[in-house]
Amino acid sequence: MPNLSSKKEIFLTGLWKDNPVLRQVLGICSTLAVTNLMVNTLVMDAGLIFTVCMSSLTVSLLRNYTPMRIRMMVQTLIIASYVIIVDIIIKAHLPDISEALGPYVALIITNCIIMGRCEAFARNNPPLASFLDGLGMSLGYSLILITIAFIREPLGFGTLLGIRVMPEGFVQWTIMIMAPGAFFTLGILVWISKYILPNAKNGVERK
């Protein structure tokens, strides 16, 4: 069983050191598709956090009872079950957002982050560690999506969470509400994380 220090490391690894979007470049479809509005991003993040954490926990709890030859099918069934729960809740309580998100809630099932954590970590580790791994990875994913939405919505719509934040006369950047706007924003964030921050941390000035 991991000690307190290792549990903290497991959580922080997914949050930044091995961030699934910036470092592993996973979950890009939803990153490009749902980050034009902050409210859509927050709902997608909540659904993915729930699905990753619960899927990792469930796979870990069943790891000693799942035959190796059918483990992928079992993991997919577990993930799909939690995604269905998320989809039903969103449709019941947030129908407008459900319509705006379209197929992307259902496509959480195919998100590489979830299957990757189930297969790479939860299948071989105890429940608490697996839950923390899922929590760190999903929060790391969510922070990047929120950052992208925080940039895209004001520039593309002039609003943030539906509240106008840009001055009158601001010309909206149409490209920022389209997939290329998300792609460019994500590229800049990846560049910052890989080029600027490591050098700043180590005190190295790169020529």
N, C-alpha and C. Protein backbone atom coordinates (compact mmCIF):
# COMPACT_ATOMS: atom_id res chain seq x y z
N MET A 1 0.85 -1.20 0.00
CA MET A 1 0.00 0.00 0.00
C MET A 1 0.88 1.25 0.00
N PRO A 2 0.67 2.20 -0.92
CA PRO A 2 1.48 3.40 -0.97
C PRO A 2 1.37 4.21 0.31
N ASN A 3 2.50 4.81 0.77
CA ASN A 3 2.44 5.66 1.95
C ASN A 3 1.93 7.03 1.56
N LEU A 4 1.88 7.94 2.56
CA LEU A 4 1.31 9.26 2.32
C LEU A 4 2.08 10.01 1.25
N SER A 5 3.41 9.90 1.30
CA SER A 5 4.24 10.60 0.33
C SER A 5 3.98 10.10 -1.09
N SER A 6 3.91 8.79 -1.24
CA SER A 6 3.68 8.24 -2.58
C SER A 6 2.28 8.54 -3.09
N LYS A 7 1.30 8.60 -2.18
CA LYS A 7 -0.06 8.98 -2.59
C LYS A 7 -0.08 10.40 -3.12
N LYS A 8 0.65 11.29 -2.45
CA LYS A 8 0.74 12.67 -2.91
C LYS A 8 1.40 12.73 -4.28
N GLU A 9 2.45 11.95 -4.46
CA GLU A 9 3.16 11.92 -5.73
C GLU A 9 2.27 11.38 -6.85
N ILE A 10 1.49 10.36 -6.54
CA ILE A 10 0.56 9.80 -7.54
C ILE A 10 -0.42 10.87 -8.00
N PHE A 11 -0.96 11.62 -7.04
CA PHE A 11 -1.93 12.67 -7.37
C PHE A 11 -1.29 13.79 -8.18
N LEU A 12 -0.12 14.26 -7.74
CA LEU A 12 0.52 15.41 -8.39
C LEU A 12 1.07 15.06 -9.77
N THR A 13 1.40 13.79 -9.98
CA THR A 13 1.92 13.38 -11.28
C THR A 13 0.91 13.67 -12.39
N GLY A 14 -0.32 13.27 -12.18
CA GLY A 14 -1.35 13.52 -13.18
C GLY A 14 -1.73 14.98 -13.29
N LEU A 15 -1.59 15.70 -12.18
CA LEU A 15 -2.00 17.10 -12.16
C LEU A 15 -1.09 17.96 -13.03
N TRP A 16 0.22 17.67 -13.01
CA TRP A 16 1.13 18.50 -13.81
C TRP A 16 2.27 17.71 -14.45
N LYS A 17 3.04 16.97 -13.66
CA LYS A 17 4.26 16.33 -14.17
C LYS A 17 4.00 15.46 -15.39
N ASP A 18 2.91 14.71 -15.38
CA ASP A 18 2.56 13.84 -16.51
C ASP A 18 1.14 14.17 -16.97
N ASN A 19 0.88 15.49 -17.07
CA ASN A 19 -0.47 15.96 -17.44
C ASN A 19 -0.94 15.28 -18.73
N PRO A 20 -2.14 14.72 -18.73
CA PRO A 20 -2.59 13.94 -19.90
C PRO A 20 -2.73 14.74 -21.19
N VAL A 21 -2.98 16.04 -21.08
CA VAL A 21 -3.12 16.87 -22.29
C VAL A 21 -1.77 17.45 -22.70
N LEU A 22 -1.07 18.10 -21.78
CA LEU A 22 0.17 18.77 -22.12
C LEU A 22 1.33 17.81 -22.34
N ARG A 23 1.40 16.75 -21.54
CA ARG A 23 2.56 15.84 -21.61
C ARG A 23 2.28 14.61 -22.47
N GLN A 24 1.07 14.04 -22.32
CA GLN A 24 0.76 12.81 -23.04
C GLN A 24 -0.03 13.05 -24.33
N VAL A 25 -0.55 14.28 -24.49
CA VAL A 25 -1.34 14.67 -25.66
C VAL A 25 -2.51 13.69 -25.86
N LEU A 26 -3.31 13.50 -24.81
CA LEU A 26 -4.49 12.64 -24.87
C LEU A 26 -5.74 13.48 -24.68
N GLY A 27 -6.88 12.93 -25.11
CA GLY A 27 -8.15 13.63 -24.94
C GLY A 27 -8.27 14.89 -25.76
N ILE A 28 -7.61 14.92 -26.92
CA ILE A 28 -7.55 16.13 -27.72
C ILE A 28 -8.89 16.46 -28.38
N CYS A 29 -9.68 15.44 -28.74
CA CYS A 29 -10.96 15.69 -29.42
C CYS A 29 -11.86 16.60 -28.58
N SER A 30 -12.06 16.24 -27.33
CA SER A 30 -12.91 17.07 -26.47
C SER A 30 -12.24 18.40 -26.16
N THR A 31 -10.91 18.41 -26.10
CA THR A 31 -10.18 19.66 -25.85
C THR A 31 -10.47 20.67 -26.95
N LEU A 32 -10.53 20.21 -28.18
CA LEU A 32 -10.79 21.10 -29.31
C LEU A 32 -12.27 21.44 -29.46
N ALA A 33 -13.14 20.54 -29.02
CA ALA A 33 -14.56 20.66 -29.35
C ALA A 33 -15.39 21.44 -28.34
N VAL A 34 -15.10 21.31 -27.05
CA VAL A 34 -16.04 21.84 -26.05
C VAL A 34 -15.52 23.05 -25.29
N THR A 35 -14.36 23.57 -25.67
CA THR A 35 -13.76 24.65 -24.88
C THR A 35 -14.07 26.04 -25.42
N ASN A 36 -15.07 26.17 -26.31
CA ASN A 36 -15.43 27.50 -26.78
C ASN A 36 -16.30 28.25 -25.77
N LEU A 37 -16.95 27.51 -24.87
CA LEU A 37 -17.74 28.11 -23.80
C LEU A 37 -17.35 27.50 -22.46
N MET A 38 -17.16 28.33 -21.47
CA MET A 38 -16.71 27.86 -20.16
C MET A 38 -17.70 26.90 -19.52
N VAL A 39 -19.01 27.18 -19.64
CA VAL A 39 -20.00 26.34 -18.98
C VAL A 39 -19.98 24.93 -19.57
N ASN A 40 -19.84 24.82 -20.89
CA ASN A 40 -19.73 23.50 -21.51
C ASN A 40 -18.49 22.77 -21.02
N THR A 41 -17.41 23.51 -20.89
CA THR A 41 -16.15 22.92 -20.42
C THR A 41 -16.28 22.39 -19.01
N LEU A 42 -16.92 23.15 -18.12
CA LEU A 42 -17.07 22.74 -16.73
C LEU A 42 -17.92 21.47 -16.62
N VAL A 43 -18.97 21.39 -17.41
CA VAL A 43 -19.82 20.19 -17.38
C VAL A 43 -19.06 18.98 -17.90
N MET A 44 -18.34 19.16 -19.01
CA MET A 44 -17.54 18.05 -19.54
C MET A 44 -16.48 17.61 -18.54
N ASP A 45 -15.83 18.57 -17.89
CA ASP A 45 -14.81 18.25 -16.90
C ASP A 45 -15.39 17.45 -15.74
N ALA A 46 -16.55 17.88 -15.25
CA ALA A 46 -17.19 17.17 -14.14
C ALA A 46 -17.52 15.74 -14.52
N GLY A 47 -18.04 15.56 -15.73
CA GLY A 47 -18.36 14.21 -16.20
C GLY A 47 -17.12 13.33 -16.32
N LEU A 48 -16.04 13.91 -16.83
CA LEU A 48 -14.83 13.11 -17.00
C LEU A 48 -14.17 12.79 -15.66
N ILE A 49 -14.17 13.76 -14.74
CA ILE A 49 -13.60 13.50 -13.41
C ILE A 49 -14.33 12.34 -12.74
N PHE A 50 -15.66 12.39 -12.77
CA PHE A 50 -16.45 11.31 -12.17
C PHE A 50 -16.15 9.98 -12.84
N THR A 51 -16.11 9.97 -14.16
CA THR A 51 -15.91 8.72 -14.90
C THR A 51 -14.52 8.14 -14.66
N VAL A 52 -13.49 8.98 -14.72
CA VAL A 52 -12.12 8.48 -14.53
C VAL A 52 -11.93 7.94 -13.12
N CYS A 53 -12.36 8.71 -12.13
CA CYS A 53 -12.16 8.28 -10.74
C CYS A 53 -12.91 6.99 -10.44
N MET A 54 -14.17 6.93 -10.81
CA MET A 54 -14.97 5.76 -10.49
C MET A 54 -14.56 4.54 -11.32
N SER A 55 -14.17 4.75 -12.56
CA SER A 55 -13.71 3.63 -13.39
C SER A 55 -12.42 3.05 -12.84
N SER A 56 -11.48 3.93 -12.47
CA SER A 56 -10.21 3.45 -11.91
C SER A 56 -10.44 2.71 -10.60
N LEU A 57 -11.31 3.26 -9.76
CA LEU A 57 -11.61 2.61 -8.49
C LEU A 57 -12.24 1.23 -8.71
N THR A 58 -13.20 1.15 -9.62
CA THR A 58 -13.90 -0.11 -9.87
C THR A 58 -12.98 -1.15 -10.49
N VAL A 59 -12.18 -0.74 -11.46
CA VAL A 59 -11.23 -1.67 -12.09
C VAL A 59 -10.25 -2.21 -11.05
N SER A 60 -9.79 -1.34 -10.15
CA SER A 60 -8.87 -1.78 -9.11
C SER A 60 -9.53 -2.77 -8.15
N LEU A 61 -10.78 -2.50 -7.76
CA LEU A 61 -11.50 -3.39 -6.86
C LEU A 61 -11.71 -4.78 -7.48
N LEU A 62 -11.86 -4.81 -8.80
CA LEU A 62 -12.14 -6.08 -9.49
C LEU A 62 -10.89 -6.70 -10.12
N ARG A 63 -9.73 -6.11 -9.88
CA ARG A 63 -8.53 -6.55 -10.59
C ARG A 63 -8.16 -7.99 -10.32
N ASN A 64 -8.45 -8.49 -9.13
CA ASN A 64 -8.09 -9.88 -8.79
C ASN A 64 -9.15 -10.89 -9.23
N TYR A 65 -10.25 -10.37 -9.75
CA TYR A 65 -11.35 -11.26 -10.15
C TYR A 65 -11.61 -11.22 -11.66
N THR A 66 -10.85 -10.38 -12.36
CA THR A 66 -11.07 -10.22 -13.80
C THR A 66 -10.04 -11.03 -14.58
N PRO A 67 -10.47 -12.00 -15.36
CA PRO A 67 -9.52 -12.78 -16.19
C PRO A 67 -8.79 -11.87 -17.17
N MET A 68 -7.50 -12.10 -17.35
CA MET A 68 -6.69 -11.25 -18.21
C MET A 68 -7.24 -11.20 -19.64
N ARG A 69 -7.74 -12.30 -20.13
CA ARG A 69 -8.14 -12.35 -21.54
C ARG A 69 -9.37 -11.50 -21.85
N ILE A 70 -10.14 -11.14 -20.83
CA ILE A 70 -11.33 -10.32 -21.09
C ILE A 70 -11.27 -8.98 -20.36
N ARG A 71 -10.11 -8.62 -19.88
CA ARG A 71 -9.99 -7.41 -19.05
C ARG A 71 -10.39 -6.15 -19.81
N MET A 72 -10.03 -6.05 -21.10
CA MET A 72 -10.36 -4.86 -21.88
C MET A 72 -11.86 -4.70 -22.05
N MET A 73 -12.54 -5.81 -22.26
CA MET A 73 -14.00 -5.76 -22.39
C MET A 73 -14.65 -5.35 -21.07
N VAL A 74 -14.13 -5.88 -19.98
CA VAL A 74 -14.65 -5.53 -18.66
C VAL A 74 -14.43 -4.04 -18.38
N GLN A 75 -13.24 -3.55 -18.68
CA GLN A 75 -12.94 -2.14 -18.46
C GLN A 75 -13.84 -1.24 -19.29
N THR A 76 -14.05 -1.61 -20.55
CA THR A 76 -14.93 -0.82 -21.41
C THR A 76 -16.35 -0.81 -20.88
N LEU A 77 -16.83 -1.95 -20.39
CA LEU A 77 -18.17 -2.02 -19.83
C LEU A 77 -18.30 -1.15 -18.58
N ILE A 78 -17.28 -1.15 -17.75
CA ILE A 78 -17.28 -0.33 -16.54
C ILE A 78 -17.32 1.15 -16.91
N ILE A 79 -16.46 1.55 -17.83
CA ILE A 79 -16.41 2.95 -18.26
C ILE A 79 -17.74 3.37 -18.87
N ALA A 80 -18.28 2.52 -19.74
CA ALA A 80 -19.55 2.84 -20.40
C ALA A 80 -20.68 3.01 -19.39
N SER A 81 -20.67 2.21 -18.34
CA SER A 81 -21.72 2.31 -17.32
C SER A 81 -21.71 3.67 -16.64
N TYR A 82 -20.51 4.14 -16.30
CA TYR A 82 -20.41 5.44 -15.63
C TYR A 82 -20.72 6.58 -16.59
N VAL A 83 -20.32 6.44 -17.86
CA VAL A 83 -20.64 7.48 -18.85
C VAL A 83 -22.15 7.58 -19.06
N ILE A 84 -22.83 6.46 -19.08
CA ILE A 84 -24.29 6.47 -19.22
C ILE A 84 -24.93 7.22 -18.06
N ILE A 85 -24.42 7.00 -16.85
CA ILE A 85 -24.94 7.72 -15.68
C ILE A 85 -24.75 9.22 -15.86
N VAL A 86 -23.55 9.62 -16.28
CA VAL A 86 -23.27 11.04 -16.51
C VAL A 86 -24.19 11.62 -17.57
N ASP A 87 -24.35 10.89 -18.68
CA ASP A 87 -25.18 11.36 -19.79
C ASP A 87 -26.63 11.54 -19.35
N ILE A 88 -27.16 10.59 -18.58
CA ILE A 88 -28.54 10.68 -18.11
C ILE A 88 -28.74 11.88 -17.19
N ILE A 89 -27.79 12.10 -16.29
CA ILE A 89 -27.88 13.23 -15.35
C ILE A 89 -27.86 14.56 -16.09
N ILE A 90 -26.95 14.69 -17.06
CA ILE A 90 -26.85 15.95 -17.81
C ILE A 90 -28.12 16.19 -18.63
N LYS A 91 -28.62 15.16 -19.28
CA LYS A 91 -29.85 15.31 -20.07
C LYS A 91 -31.05 15.67 -19.19
N ALA A 92 -31.08 15.12 -17.98
CA ALA A 92 -32.22 15.37 -17.10
C ALA A 92 -32.18 16.76 -16.48
N HIS A 93 -30.99 17.23 -16.11
CA HIS A 93 -30.88 18.47 -15.35
C HIS A 93 -30.35 19.65 -16.16
N LEU A 94 -29.60 19.37 -17.24
CA LEU A 94 -29.01 20.44 -18.05
C LEU A 94 -29.26 20.15 -19.54
N PRO A 95 -30.51 20.16 -19.96
CA PRO A 95 -30.82 19.76 -21.34
C PRO A 95 -30.17 20.64 -22.40
N ASP A 96 -30.09 21.95 -22.14
CA ASP A 96 -29.49 22.86 -23.12
C ASP A 96 -28.01 22.55 -23.31
N ILE A 97 -27.31 22.32 -22.19
CA ILE A 97 -25.89 21.99 -22.27
C ILE A 97 -25.69 20.62 -22.91
N SER A 98 -26.59 19.70 -22.61
CA SER A 98 -26.52 18.37 -23.22
C SER A 98 -26.63 18.47 -24.74
N GLU A 99 -27.52 19.33 -25.20
CA GLU A 99 -27.68 19.51 -26.64
C GLU A 99 -26.46 20.18 -27.25
N ALA A 100 -25.88 21.13 -26.51
CA ALA A 100 -24.69 21.83 -27.02
C ALA A 100 -23.48 20.91 -27.10
N LEU A 101 -23.36 20.03 -26.11
CA LEU A 101 -22.22 19.10 -26.10
C LEU A 101 -22.38 18.01 -27.16
N GLY A 102 -23.63 17.74 -27.53
CA GLY A 102 -23.88 16.75 -28.58
C GLY A 102 -23.33 15.38 -28.22
N PRO A 103 -22.56 14.78 -29.14
CA PRO A 103 -22.08 13.41 -28.91
C PRO A 103 -20.87 13.31 -28.00
N TYR A 104 -20.33 14.45 -27.56
CA TYR A 104 -19.05 14.41 -26.87
C TYR A 104 -19.15 13.82 -25.47
N VAL A 105 -20.31 13.88 -24.83
CA VAL A 105 -20.47 13.22 -23.53
C VAL A 105 -20.37 11.71 -23.71
N ALA A 106 -21.09 11.19 -24.70
CA ALA A 106 -21.04 9.75 -24.96
C ALA A 106 -19.64 9.32 -25.37
N LEU A 107 -18.90 10.20 -26.03
CA LEU A 107 -17.55 9.86 -26.49
C LEU A 107 -16.53 9.85 -25.37
N ILE A 108 -16.96 10.20 -24.14
CA ILE A 108 -16.06 10.03 -23.00
C ILE A 108 -15.61 8.58 -22.92
N ILE A 109 -16.47 7.66 -23.35
CA ILE A 109 -16.14 6.23 -23.33
C ILE A 109 -14.84 5.96 -24.07
N THR A 110 -14.64 6.68 -25.18
CA THR A 110 -13.46 6.42 -26.01
C THR A 110 -12.27 7.30 -25.63
N ASN A 111 -12.41 8.11 -24.59
CA ASN A 111 -11.31 8.98 -24.19
C ASN A 111 -10.11 8.14 -23.75
N CYS A 112 -8.99 8.39 -24.38
CA CYS A 112 -7.78 7.58 -24.11
C CYS A 112 -7.32 7.68 -22.67
N ILE A 113 -7.61 8.81 -22.02
CA ILE A 113 -7.18 9.01 -20.64
C ILE A 113 -7.78 7.94 -19.73
N ILE A 114 -9.06 7.66 -19.91
CA ILE A 114 -9.75 6.74 -19.01
C ILE A 114 -9.24 5.32 -19.18
N MET A 115 -9.27 4.83 -20.41
CA MET A 115 -8.79 3.48 -20.66
C MET A 115 -7.31 3.34 -20.31
N GLY A 116 -6.55 4.40 -20.59
CA GLY A 116 -5.12 4.37 -20.28
C GLY A 116 -4.85 4.22 -18.80
N ARG A 117 -5.60 4.94 -17.96
CA ARG A 117 -5.38 4.85 -16.51
C ARG A 117 -5.86 3.51 -15.96
N CYS A 118 -6.97 3.02 -16.51
CA CYS A 118 -7.46 1.71 -16.07
C CYS A 118 -6.45 0.61 -16.39
N GLU A 119 -5.92 0.66 -17.61
CA GLU A 119 -5.01 -0.40 -18.06
C GLU A 119 -3.61 -0.25 -17.48
N ALA A 120 -3.12 0.99 -17.43
CA ALA A 120 -1.73 1.20 -17.01
C ALA A 120 -1.56 1.26 -15.50
N PHE A 121 -2.61 1.69 -14.78
CA PHE A 121 -2.42 1.89 -13.33
C PHE A 121 -3.41 1.09 -12.49
N ALA A 122 -4.70 1.30 -12.71
CA ALA A 122 -5.71 0.70 -11.82
C ALA A 122 -5.66 -0.82 -11.83
N ARG A 123 -5.29 -1.41 -12.96
CA ARG A 123 -5.27 -2.87 -13.07
C ARG A 123 -4.19 -3.49 -12.18
N ASN A 124 -3.20 -2.68 -11.78
CA ASN A 124 -2.06 -3.22 -11.03
C ASN A 124 -1.87 -2.60 -9.65
N ASN A 125 -2.80 -1.74 -9.23
CA ASN A 125 -2.61 -1.03 -7.97
C ASN A 125 -3.86 -1.07 -7.12
N PRO A 126 -3.72 -0.82 -5.80
CA PRO A 126 -4.87 -0.88 -4.88
C PRO A 126 -5.86 0.25 -5.14
N PRO A 127 -7.06 0.11 -4.58
CA PRO A 127 -8.15 1.06 -4.89
C PRO A 127 -7.85 2.52 -4.59
N LEU A 128 -7.32 2.83 -3.39
CA LEU A 128 -7.09 4.23 -3.05
C LEU A 128 -6.08 4.88 -3.98
N ALA A 129 -5.00 4.19 -4.25
CA ALA A 129 -3.98 4.72 -5.17
C ALA A 129 -4.57 4.92 -6.56
N SER A 130 -5.40 3.98 -7.00
CA SER A 130 -6.02 4.09 -8.32
C SER A 130 -6.98 5.26 -8.38
N PHE A 131 -7.75 5.46 -7.31
CA PHE A 131 -8.67 6.60 -7.26
C PHE A 131 -7.90 7.91 -7.33
N LEU A 132 -6.80 8.01 -6.57
CA LEU A 132 -5.99 9.24 -6.56
C LEU A 132 -5.34 9.47 -7.92
N ASP A 133 -4.91 8.39 -8.56
CA ASP A 133 -4.34 8.52 -9.89
C ASP A 133 -5.39 9.06 -10.87
N GLY A 134 -6.59 8.49 -10.81
CA GLY A 134 -7.67 8.98 -11.67
C GLY A 134 -8.04 10.41 -11.38
N LEU A 135 -8.05 10.77 -10.09
CA LEU A 135 -8.39 12.14 -9.70
C LEU A 135 -7.34 13.12 -10.20
N GLY A 136 -6.06 12.78 -10.03
CA GLY A 136 -4.99 13.67 -10.49
C GLY A 136 -5.01 13.86 -12.00
N MET A 137 -5.17 12.74 -12.73
CA MET A 137 -5.18 12.81 -14.19
C MET A 137 -6.39 13.61 -14.70
N SER A 138 -7.56 13.36 -14.13
CA SER A 138 -8.76 14.05 -14.60
C SER A 138 -8.74 15.53 -14.23
N LEU A 139 -8.21 15.87 -13.06
CA LEU A 139 -8.09 17.28 -12.69
C LEU A 139 -7.05 17.98 -13.57
N GLY A 140 -5.96 17.28 -13.88
CA GLY A 140 -4.97 17.85 -14.79
C GLY A 140 -5.57 18.15 -16.16
N TYR A 141 -6.36 17.20 -16.65
CA TYR A 141 -7.08 17.39 -17.91
C TYR A 141 -8.03 18.58 -17.80
N SER A 142 -8.77 18.65 -16.70
CA SER A 142 -9.78 19.69 -16.53
C SER A 142 -9.15 21.07 -16.45
N LEU A 143 -8.03 21.19 -15.76
CA LEU A 143 -7.38 22.50 -15.62
C LEU A 143 -6.96 23.05 -16.98
N ILE A 144 -6.48 22.18 -17.86
CA ILE A 144 -6.07 22.63 -19.18
C ILE A 144 -7.29 23.06 -19.99
N LEU A 145 -8.38 22.29 -19.94
CA LEU A 145 -9.59 22.66 -20.67
C LEU A 145 -10.16 23.98 -20.17
N ILE A 146 -10.14 24.18 -18.84
CA ILE A 146 -10.64 25.43 -18.28
C ILE A 146 -9.78 26.60 -18.72
N THR A 147 -8.47 26.40 -18.76
CA THR A 147 -7.56 27.45 -19.20
C THR A 147 -7.84 27.84 -20.65
N ILE A 148 -8.03 26.83 -21.50
CA ILE A 148 -8.32 27.09 -22.91
C ILE A 148 -9.65 27.82 -23.06
N ALA A 149 -10.67 27.37 -22.32
CA ALA A 149 -11.98 28.03 -22.38
C ALA A 149 -11.90 29.47 -21.86
N PHE A 150 -11.07 29.69 -20.85
CA PHE A 150 -10.90 31.02 -20.27
C PHE A 150 -10.31 31.99 -21.30
N ILE A 151 -9.56 31.47 -22.23
CA ILE A 151 -8.98 32.29 -23.30
C ILE A 151 -9.95 32.41 -24.48
N ARG A 152 -10.56 31.30 -24.87
CA ARG A 152 -11.38 31.27 -26.09
C ARG A 152 -12.70 32.03 -25.95
N GLU A 153 -13.41 31.82 -24.84
CA GLU A 153 -14.74 32.44 -24.74
C GLU A 153 -14.68 33.96 -24.76
N PRO A 154 -13.81 34.61 -23.97
CA PRO A 154 -13.77 36.08 -24.04
C PRO A 154 -13.37 36.61 -25.42
N LEU A 155 -12.39 35.95 -26.06
CA LEU A 155 -11.95 36.42 -27.36
C LEU A 155 -12.95 36.11 -28.46
N GLY A 156 -13.65 34.96 -28.33
CA GLY A 156 -14.58 34.55 -29.37
C GLY A 156 -15.97 35.13 -29.22
N PHE A 157 -16.44 35.26 -27.97
CA PHE A 157 -17.80 35.75 -27.73
C PHE A 157 -17.84 37.07 -26.96
N GLY A 158 -16.71 37.42 -26.34
CA GLY A 158 -16.69 38.62 -25.51
C GLY A 158 -17.29 38.40 -24.13
N THR A 159 -17.55 37.14 -23.77
CA THR A 159 -18.19 36.82 -22.49
C THR A 159 -17.36 35.79 -21.73
N LEU A 160 -17.72 35.60 -20.48
CA LEU A 160 -17.15 34.54 -19.65
C LEU A 160 -18.26 34.02 -18.75
N LEU A 161 -18.60 32.75 -18.89
CA LEU A 161 -19.75 32.17 -18.21
C LEU A 161 -21.03 32.94 -18.55
N GLY A 162 -21.08 33.43 -19.79
CA GLY A 162 -22.27 34.15 -20.25
C GLY A 162 -22.32 35.61 -19.85
N ILE A 163 -21.36 36.08 -19.07
CA ILE A 163 -21.32 37.48 -18.63
C ILE A 163 -20.33 38.25 -19.49
N ARG A 164 -20.75 39.38 -20.02
CA ARG A 164 -19.87 40.13 -20.90
C ARG A 164 -18.70 40.70 -20.12
N VAL A 165 -17.48 40.44 -20.63
CA VAL A 165 -16.27 40.90 -19.95
C VAL A 165 -15.43 41.80 -20.85
N MET A 166 -15.72 41.80 -22.13
CA MET A 166 -14.97 42.64 -23.06
C MET A 166 -15.68 43.98 -23.22
N PRO A 167 -14.92 45.06 -23.46
CA PRO A 167 -15.53 46.40 -23.60
C PRO A 167 -16.37 46.51 -24.86
N GLU A 168 -17.26 47.48 -24.86
CA GLU A 168 -18.09 47.75 -26.03
C GLU A 168 -17.19 48.09 -27.21
N GLY A 169 -17.57 47.58 -28.36
CA GLY A 169 -16.78 47.82 -29.55
C GLY A 169 -15.71 46.77 -29.80
N PHE A 170 -15.55 45.84 -28.85
CA PHE A 170 -14.57 44.77 -29.05
C PHE A 170 -14.99 43.90 -30.23
N VAL A 171 -14.08 43.68 -31.14
CA VAL A 171 -14.35 42.85 -32.32
C VAL A 171 -14.06 41.40 -31.96
N GLN A 172 -15.07 40.57 -32.00
CA GLN A 172 -14.91 39.17 -31.63
C GLN A 172 -14.04 38.44 -32.65
N TRP A 173 -13.19 37.55 -32.12
CA TRP A 173 -12.31 36.76 -32.97
C TRP A 173 -13.05 35.48 -33.35
N THR A 174 -13.61 35.46 -34.52
CA THR A 174 -14.41 34.30 -34.93
C THR A 174 -13.62 33.01 -34.88
N ILE A 175 -12.35 33.08 -35.19
CA ILE A 175 -11.53 31.86 -35.22
C ILE A 175 -11.46 31.20 -33.85
N MET A 176 -11.63 31.98 -32.77
CA MET A 176 -11.50 31.43 -31.43
C MET A 176 -12.68 30.56 -31.02
N ILE A 177 -13.80 30.65 -31.73
CA ILE A 177 -14.93 29.78 -31.40
C ILE A 177 -14.95 28.55 -32.31
N MET A 178 -13.94 28.45 -33.17
CA MET A 178 -13.80 27.30 -34.05
C MET A 178 -12.66 26.41 -33.58
N ALA A 179 -12.62 25.20 -34.10
CA ALA A 179 -11.59 24.24 -33.69
C ALA A 179 -10.16 24.77 -33.87
N PRO A 180 -9.85 25.50 -34.96
CA PRO A 180 -8.48 26.02 -35.08
C PRO A 180 -8.07 26.92 -33.92
N GLY A 181 -9.03 27.69 -33.38
CA GLY A 181 -8.72 28.54 -32.23
C GLY A 181 -8.29 27.71 -31.04
N ALA A 182 -8.97 26.59 -30.80
CA ALA A 182 -8.59 25.69 -29.71
C ALA A 182 -7.24 25.06 -29.99
N PHE A 183 -7.01 24.70 -31.25
CA PHE A 183 -5.75 24.06 -31.63
C PHE A 183 -4.57 25.00 -31.37
N PHE A 184 -4.70 26.26 -31.80
CA PHE A 184 -3.62 27.22 -31.59
C PHE A 184 -3.40 27.50 -30.10
N THR A 185 -4.49 27.64 -29.36
CA THR A 185 -4.37 27.89 -27.92
C THR A 185 -3.70 26.73 -27.21
N LEU A 186 -4.10 25.51 -27.56
CA LEU A 186 -3.48 24.33 -26.96
C LEU A 186 -2.00 24.27 -27.33
N GLY A 187 -1.68 24.58 -28.58
CA GLY A 187 -0.28 24.56 -29.00
C GLY A 187 0.57 25.53 -28.20
N ILE A 188 0.03 26.71 -27.93
CA ILE A 188 0.76 27.70 -27.14
C ILE A 188 0.98 27.20 -25.71
N LEU A 189 -0.06 26.58 -25.13
CA LEU A 189 0.07 26.06 -23.77
C LEU A 189 1.11 24.93 -23.70
N VAL A 190 1.11 24.05 -24.71
CA VAL A 190 2.11 22.97 -24.75
C VAL A 190 3.51 23.57 -24.87
N TRP A 191 3.64 24.59 -25.71
CA TRP A 191 4.94 25.25 -25.87
C TRP A 191 5.41 25.88 -24.56
N ILE A 192 4.50 26.57 -23.88
CA ILE A 192 4.86 27.19 -22.61
C ILE A 192 5.29 26.14 -21.60
N SER A 193 4.54 25.03 -21.53
CA SER A 193 4.84 24.00 -20.53
C SER A 193 6.15 23.29 -20.81
N LYS A 194 6.51 23.15 -22.07
CA LYS A 194 7.71 22.38 -22.41
C LYS A 194 8.94 23.24 -22.64
N TYR A 195 8.73 24.50 -22.99
CA TYR A 195 9.86 25.33 -23.37
C TYR A 195 10.21 26.38 -22.32
N ILE A 196 9.19 27.07 -21.82
CA ILE A 196 9.45 28.19 -20.92
C ILE A 196 9.57 27.76 -19.46
N LEU A 197 8.54 27.02 -18.97
CA LEU A 197 8.50 26.69 -17.53
C LEU A 197 9.68 25.85 -17.06
N PRO A 198 10.09 24.79 -17.77
CA PRO A 198 11.25 24.03 -17.29
C PRO A 198 12.51 24.87 -17.20
N ASN A 199 12.72 25.78 -18.19
CA ASN A 199 13.90 26.63 -18.17
C ASN A 199 13.85 27.64 -17.04
N ALA A 200 12.64 28.18 -16.80
CA ALA A 200 12.49 29.14 -15.71
C ALA A 200 12.75 28.47 -14.37
N LYS A 201 12.30 27.22 -14.25
CA LYS A 201 12.46 26.49 -12.99
C LYS A 201 13.94 26.22 -12.71
N ASN A 202 14.67 25.91 -13.77
CA ASN A 202 16.08 25.53 -13.61
C ASN A 202 17.00 26.75 -13.72
N GLY A 203 16.41 27.93 -13.94
CA GLY A 203 17.24 29.11 -14.05
C GLY A 203 18.08 29.15 -15.30
N VAL A 204 17.61 28.53 -16.37
CA VAL A 204 18.37 28.45 -17.60
C VAL A 204 17.75 29.38 -18.62
N GLU A 205 18.54 30.20 -19.22
CA GLU A 205 18.05 31.08 -20.28
C GLU A 205 18.42 30.44 -21.60
N ARG A 206 17.42 30.13 -22.38
CA ARG A 206 17.66 29.45 -23.65
C ARG A 206 17.82 30.46 -24.76
N LYS A 207 18.88 30.35 -25.53
CA LYS A 207 19.16 31.29 -26.63
C LYS A 207 18.44 30.83 -27.89
